[in-house]
Amino acid sequence: MLLHEYKKEKGTDNDPLGQLIIAMITAQEINQNQFPIYGAYVMGRNWFFLTVKDRKYCISDEYVATREDIFDIFKILKKLKNIIMKHFLEAKNPN
């Protein structure tokens, strides 16, 4: 499962990290902790990636979409798609 949160870069008092972690932990509980939960939040051009597993989480350093980081963002999203599809197929066919 991949969740995301977006906030504009300037003029926001919201906490996208806090909102995303709450959503990720909720999703983890609903799924009975079977799989890690992946997430991303974007503040303007800055992207951050998160993983929640067993009530522990980690956050990437920022990736800036207006620099060469855009290629890393694309690679991460593509890899996450493959990871999520693998978990989906395992859940669908547990044998």
N, C-alpha and C. Protein backbone atom coordinates (compact mmCIF):
# COMPACT_ATOMS: atom_id res chain seq x y z
N MET A 1 0.85 -1.16 0.00
CA MET A 1 0.00 0.00 0.00
C MET A 1 0.89 1.23 0.00
N LEU A 2 0.52 2.20 -0.80
CA LEU A 2 1.25 3.46 -0.87
C LEU A 2 0.28 4.59 -0.61
N LEU A 3 0.60 5.43 0.35
CA LEU A 3 -0.20 6.60 0.67
C LEU A 3 0.63 7.83 0.38
N HIS A 4 -0.03 8.95 0.10
CA HIS A 4 0.72 10.18 -0.15
C HIS A 4 -0.01 11.37 0.44
N GLU A 5 0.74 12.43 0.62
CA GLU A 5 0.22 13.69 1.14
C GLU A 5 0.94 14.79 0.38
N TYR A 6 0.20 15.80 -0.06
CA TYR A 6 0.79 16.92 -0.78
C TYR A 6 0.42 18.23 -0.11
N LYS A 7 1.39 19.10 0.02
CA LYS A 7 1.15 20.46 0.52
C LYS A 7 1.95 21.43 -0.33
N LYS A 8 1.39 22.60 -0.56
CA LYS A 8 2.16 23.60 -1.30
C LYS A 8 3.35 24.02 -0.45
N GLU A 9 4.37 24.49 -1.12
CA GLU A 9 5.64 24.77 -0.44
C GLU A 9 5.55 25.98 0.49
N LYS A 10 4.86 27.03 0.08
CA LYS A 10 4.82 28.25 0.88
C LYS A 10 3.42 28.50 1.41
N GLY A 11 3.37 29.14 2.56
CA GLY A 11 2.09 29.58 3.11
C GLY A 11 1.24 28.49 3.71
N THR A 12 1.85 27.40 4.15
CA THR A 12 1.06 26.33 4.75
C THR A 12 1.50 26.10 6.19
N ASP A 13 0.54 25.93 7.04
CA ASP A 13 0.82 25.62 8.44
C ASP A 13 0.53 24.16 8.76
N ASN A 14 0.13 23.40 7.75
CA ASN A 14 -0.21 22.00 7.96
C ASN A 14 1.05 21.16 8.13
N ASP A 15 0.88 19.98 8.70
CA ASP A 15 1.99 19.07 8.94
C ASP A 15 1.80 17.82 8.08
N PRO A 16 2.32 17.80 6.85
CA PRO A 16 2.10 16.65 5.98
C PRO A 16 2.72 15.37 6.54
N LEU A 17 3.86 15.47 7.20
CA LEU A 17 4.50 14.29 7.76
C LEU A 17 3.61 13.66 8.82
N GLY A 18 3.12 14.46 9.75
CA GLY A 18 2.25 13.94 10.81
C GLY A 18 0.98 13.34 10.25
N GLN A 19 0.36 14.02 9.28
CA GLN A 19 -0.87 13.52 8.67
C GLN A 19 -0.62 12.20 7.95
N LEU A 20 0.51 12.11 7.25
CA LEU A 20 0.83 10.89 6.52
C LEU A 20 1.12 9.73 7.46
N ILE A 21 1.88 9.97 8.52
CA ILE A 21 2.19 8.89 9.47
C ILE A 21 0.92 8.37 10.13
N ILE A 22 0.01 9.27 10.49
CA ILE A 22 -1.26 8.83 11.07
C ILE A 22 -2.01 7.93 10.10
N ALA A 23 -2.08 8.34 8.84
CA ALA A 23 -2.77 7.53 7.82
C ALA A 23 -2.07 6.19 7.61
N MET A 24 -0.74 6.20 7.63
CA MET A 24 0.02 4.97 7.41
C MET A 24 -0.17 3.99 8.57
N ILE A 25 -0.13 4.48 9.80
CA ILE A 25 -0.32 3.60 10.96
C ILE A 25 -1.75 3.06 10.99
N THR A 26 -2.71 3.89 10.61
CA THR A 26 -4.10 3.43 10.51
C THR A 26 -4.22 2.32 9.47
N ALA A 27 -3.61 2.51 8.31
CA ALA A 27 -3.64 1.49 7.26
C ALA A 27 -2.96 0.20 7.73
N GLN A 28 -1.88 0.35 8.48
CA GLN A 28 -1.18 -0.82 9.01
C GLN A 28 -2.08 -1.60 9.95
N GLU A 29 -2.82 -0.90 10.81
CA GLU A 29 -3.74 -1.57 11.74
C GLU A 29 -4.87 -2.27 10.99
N ILE A 30 -5.42 -1.59 9.99
CA ILE A 30 -6.50 -2.19 9.20
C ILE A 30 -6.02 -3.46 8.51
N ASN A 31 -4.77 -3.45 8.04
CA ASN A 31 -4.19 -4.61 7.36
C ASN A 31 -3.56 -5.60 8.32
N GLN A 32 -3.75 -5.40 9.61
CA GLN A 32 -3.25 -6.30 10.65
C GLN A 32 -1.75 -6.53 10.56
N ASN A 33 -1.01 -5.48 10.22
CA ASN A 33 0.46 -5.50 10.20
C ASN A 33 1.06 -6.57 9.29
N GLN A 34 0.35 -6.97 8.25
CA GLN A 34 0.87 -8.02 7.38
C GLN A 34 2.02 -7.54 6.50
N PHE A 35 1.94 -6.33 6.04
CA PHE A 35 2.93 -5.81 5.10
C PHE A 35 3.39 -4.43 5.53
N PRO A 36 4.58 -4.03 5.11
CA PRO A 36 5.00 -2.65 5.36
C PRO A 36 4.08 -1.70 4.59
N ILE A 37 3.96 -0.49 5.08
CA ILE A 37 3.19 0.54 4.40
C ILE A 37 4.19 1.57 3.88
N TYR A 38 4.03 1.94 2.64
CA TYR A 38 4.93 2.89 2.00
C TYR A 38 4.19 4.20 1.81
N GLY A 39 4.92 5.29 1.88
CA GLY A 39 4.28 6.59 1.71
C GLY A 39 5.25 7.60 1.13
N ALA A 40 4.67 8.68 0.67
CA ALA A 40 5.47 9.80 0.16
C ALA A 40 4.72 11.07 0.49
N TYR A 41 5.47 12.10 0.82
CA TYR A 41 4.83 13.39 0.92
C TYR A 41 5.65 14.39 0.14
N VAL A 42 4.93 15.33 -0.43
CA VAL A 42 5.53 16.33 -1.31
C VAL A 42 5.18 17.69 -0.76
N MET A 43 6.20 18.51 -0.60
CA MET A 43 5.99 19.91 -0.22
C MET A 43 6.61 20.74 -1.33
N GLY A 44 5.76 21.24 -2.21
CA GLY A 44 6.26 21.98 -3.37
C GLY A 44 7.08 21.07 -4.24
N ARG A 45 8.35 21.34 -4.39
CA ARG A 45 9.23 20.53 -5.24
C ARG A 45 10.00 19.46 -4.45
N ASN A 46 9.85 19.43 -3.14
CA ASN A 46 10.59 18.50 -2.28
C ASN A 46 9.77 17.24 -2.01
N TRP A 47 10.35 16.10 -2.32
CA TRP A 47 9.73 14.80 -2.12
C TRP A 47 10.43 14.06 -0.99
N PHE A 48 9.63 13.37 -0.14
CA PHE A 48 10.15 12.54 0.94
C PHE A 48 9.44 11.20 0.87
N PHE A 49 10.16 10.12 1.10
CA PHE A 49 9.58 8.78 1.07
C PHE A 49 9.67 8.16 2.45
N LEU A 50 8.61 7.42 2.84
CA LEU A 50 8.52 6.82 4.16
C LEU A 50 8.16 5.35 4.06
N THR A 51 8.57 4.61 5.09
CA THR A 51 8.15 3.23 5.26
C THR A 51 7.75 3.05 6.72
N VAL A 52 6.61 2.40 6.95
CA VAL A 52 6.17 2.06 8.30
C VAL A 52 6.06 0.56 8.39
N LYS A 53 6.70 0.00 9.39
CA LYS A 53 6.59 -1.44 9.65
C LYS A 53 6.72 -1.66 11.15
N ASP A 54 5.80 -2.42 11.70
CA ASP A 54 5.82 -2.75 13.13
C ASP A 54 5.94 -1.51 14.02
N ARG A 55 5.16 -0.49 13.71
CA ARG A 55 5.12 0.75 14.50
C ARG A 55 6.43 1.54 14.48
N LYS A 56 7.31 1.21 13.58
CA LYS A 56 8.54 1.98 13.39
C LYS A 56 8.50 2.56 11.99
N TYR A 57 9.08 3.74 11.84
CA TYR A 57 9.08 4.34 10.51
C TYR A 57 10.44 4.95 10.20
N CYS A 58 10.69 5.09 8.91
CA CYS A 58 11.89 5.78 8.46
C CYS A 58 11.52 6.73 7.34
N ILE A 59 12.25 7.81 7.23
CA ILE A 59 11.98 8.87 6.26
C ILE A 59 13.26 9.11 5.46
N SER A 60 13.11 9.23 4.16
CA SER A 60 14.26 9.52 3.31
C SER A 60 14.69 10.97 3.47
N ASP A 61 15.89 11.26 3.00
CA ASP A 61 16.27 12.65 2.81
C ASP A 61 15.41 13.22 1.69
N GLU A 62 15.41 14.52 1.51
CA GLU A 62 14.57 15.11 0.48
C GLU A 62 15.15 14.88 -0.91
N TYR A 63 14.23 14.75 -1.85
CA TYR A 63 14.57 14.70 -3.27
C TYR A 63 13.92 15.93 -3.89
N VAL A 64 14.69 16.71 -4.63
CA VAL A 64 14.19 17.96 -5.19
C VAL A 64 13.87 17.74 -6.67
N ALA A 65 12.60 17.87 -7.01
CA ALA A 65 12.12 17.53 -8.35
C ALA A 65 12.62 18.46 -9.44
N THR A 66 13.16 19.61 -9.08
CA THR A 66 13.66 20.54 -10.09
C THR A 66 15.15 20.35 -10.38
N ARG A 67 15.74 19.33 -9.78
CA ARG A 67 17.15 19.01 -10.01
C ARG A 67 17.24 17.61 -10.61
N GLU A 68 18.43 17.10 -10.68
CA GLU A 68 18.65 15.74 -11.19
C GLU A 68 17.95 14.69 -10.34
N ASP A 69 17.53 15.08 -9.14
CA ASP A 69 16.81 14.16 -8.25
C ASP A 69 15.54 13.61 -8.91
N ILE A 70 15.01 14.31 -9.91
CA ILE A 70 13.78 13.86 -10.56
C ILE A 70 13.93 12.43 -11.09
N PHE A 71 15.14 12.07 -11.53
CA PHE A 71 15.38 10.72 -12.03
C PHE A 71 15.35 9.71 -10.89
N ASP A 72 15.84 10.10 -9.72
CA ASP A 72 15.77 9.23 -8.54
C ASP A 72 14.33 9.06 -8.08
N ILE A 73 13.55 10.14 -8.12
CA ILE A 73 12.13 10.06 -7.75
C ILE A 73 11.43 9.05 -8.65
N PHE A 74 11.70 9.14 -9.94
CA PHE A 74 11.08 8.21 -10.89
C PHE A 74 11.49 6.76 -10.59
N LYS A 75 12.77 6.53 -10.32
CA LYS A 75 13.25 5.18 -10.00
C LYS A 75 12.59 4.64 -8.73
N ILE A 76 12.47 5.49 -7.71
CA ILE A 76 11.86 5.07 -6.45
C ILE A 76 10.40 4.70 -6.67
N LEU A 77 9.67 5.53 -7.39
CA LEU A 77 8.25 5.24 -7.65
C LEU A 77 8.08 3.96 -8.46
N LYS A 78 8.96 3.75 -9.41
CA LYS A 78 8.90 2.52 -10.22
C LYS A 78 9.19 1.29 -9.35
N LYS A 79 10.20 1.39 -8.49
CA LYS A 79 10.53 0.29 -7.59
C LYS A 79 9.40 0.02 -6.60
N LEU A 80 8.80 1.09 -6.06
CA LEU A 80 7.66 0.93 -5.15
C LEU A 80 6.50 0.22 -5.83
N LYS A 81 6.26 0.54 -7.09
CA LYS A 81 5.19 -0.14 -7.83
C LYS A 81 5.47 -1.64 -7.87
N ASN A 82 6.70 -2.03 -8.15
CA ASN A 82 7.06 -3.45 -8.20
C ASN A 82 6.91 -4.11 -6.83
N ILE A 83 7.34 -3.44 -5.78
CA ILE A 83 7.22 -3.99 -4.43
C ILE A 83 5.76 -4.19 -4.06
N ILE A 84 4.92 -3.19 -4.34
CA ILE A 84 3.51 -3.27 -4.00
C ILE A 84 2.83 -4.37 -4.81
N MET A 85 3.15 -4.49 -6.09
CA MET A 85 2.56 -5.55 -6.91
C MET A 85 2.96 -6.93 -6.38
N LYS A 86 4.20 -7.07 -5.93
CA LYS A 86 4.65 -8.35 -5.37
C LYS A 86 3.84 -8.69 -4.11
N HIS A 87 3.67 -7.71 -3.21
CA HIS A 87 2.88 -7.94 -1.99
C HIS A 87 1.43 -8.26 -2.34
N PHE A 88 0.88 -7.56 -3.33
CA PHE A 88 -0.50 -7.80 -3.75
C PHE A 88 -0.67 -9.23 -4.25
N LEU A 89 0.27 -9.67 -5.09
CA LEU A 89 0.17 -11.03 -5.64
C LEU A 89 0.35 -12.08 -4.54
N GLU A 90 1.23 -11.83 -3.59
CA GLU A 90 1.42 -12.76 -2.47
C GLU A 90 0.16 -12.84 -1.62
N ALA A 91 -0.50 -11.72 -1.40
CA ALA A 91 -1.73 -11.72 -0.59
C ALA A 91 -2.87 -12.41 -1.33
N LYS A 92 -2.88 -12.24 -2.64
CA LYS A 92 -3.94 -12.83 -3.45
C LYS A 92 -3.77 -14.34 -3.59
N ASN A 93 -2.53 -14.79 -3.70
CA ASN A 93 -2.20 -16.21 -3.87
C ASN A 93 -1.22 -16.64 -2.79
N PRO A 94 -1.67 -16.90 -1.56
CA PRO A 94 -0.76 -17.17 -0.45
C PRO A 94 0.01 -18.48 -0.57
N ASN A 95 -0.29 -19.33 -1.55
CA ASN A 95 0.42 -20.62 -1.66
C ASN A 95 1.79 -20.44 -2.16
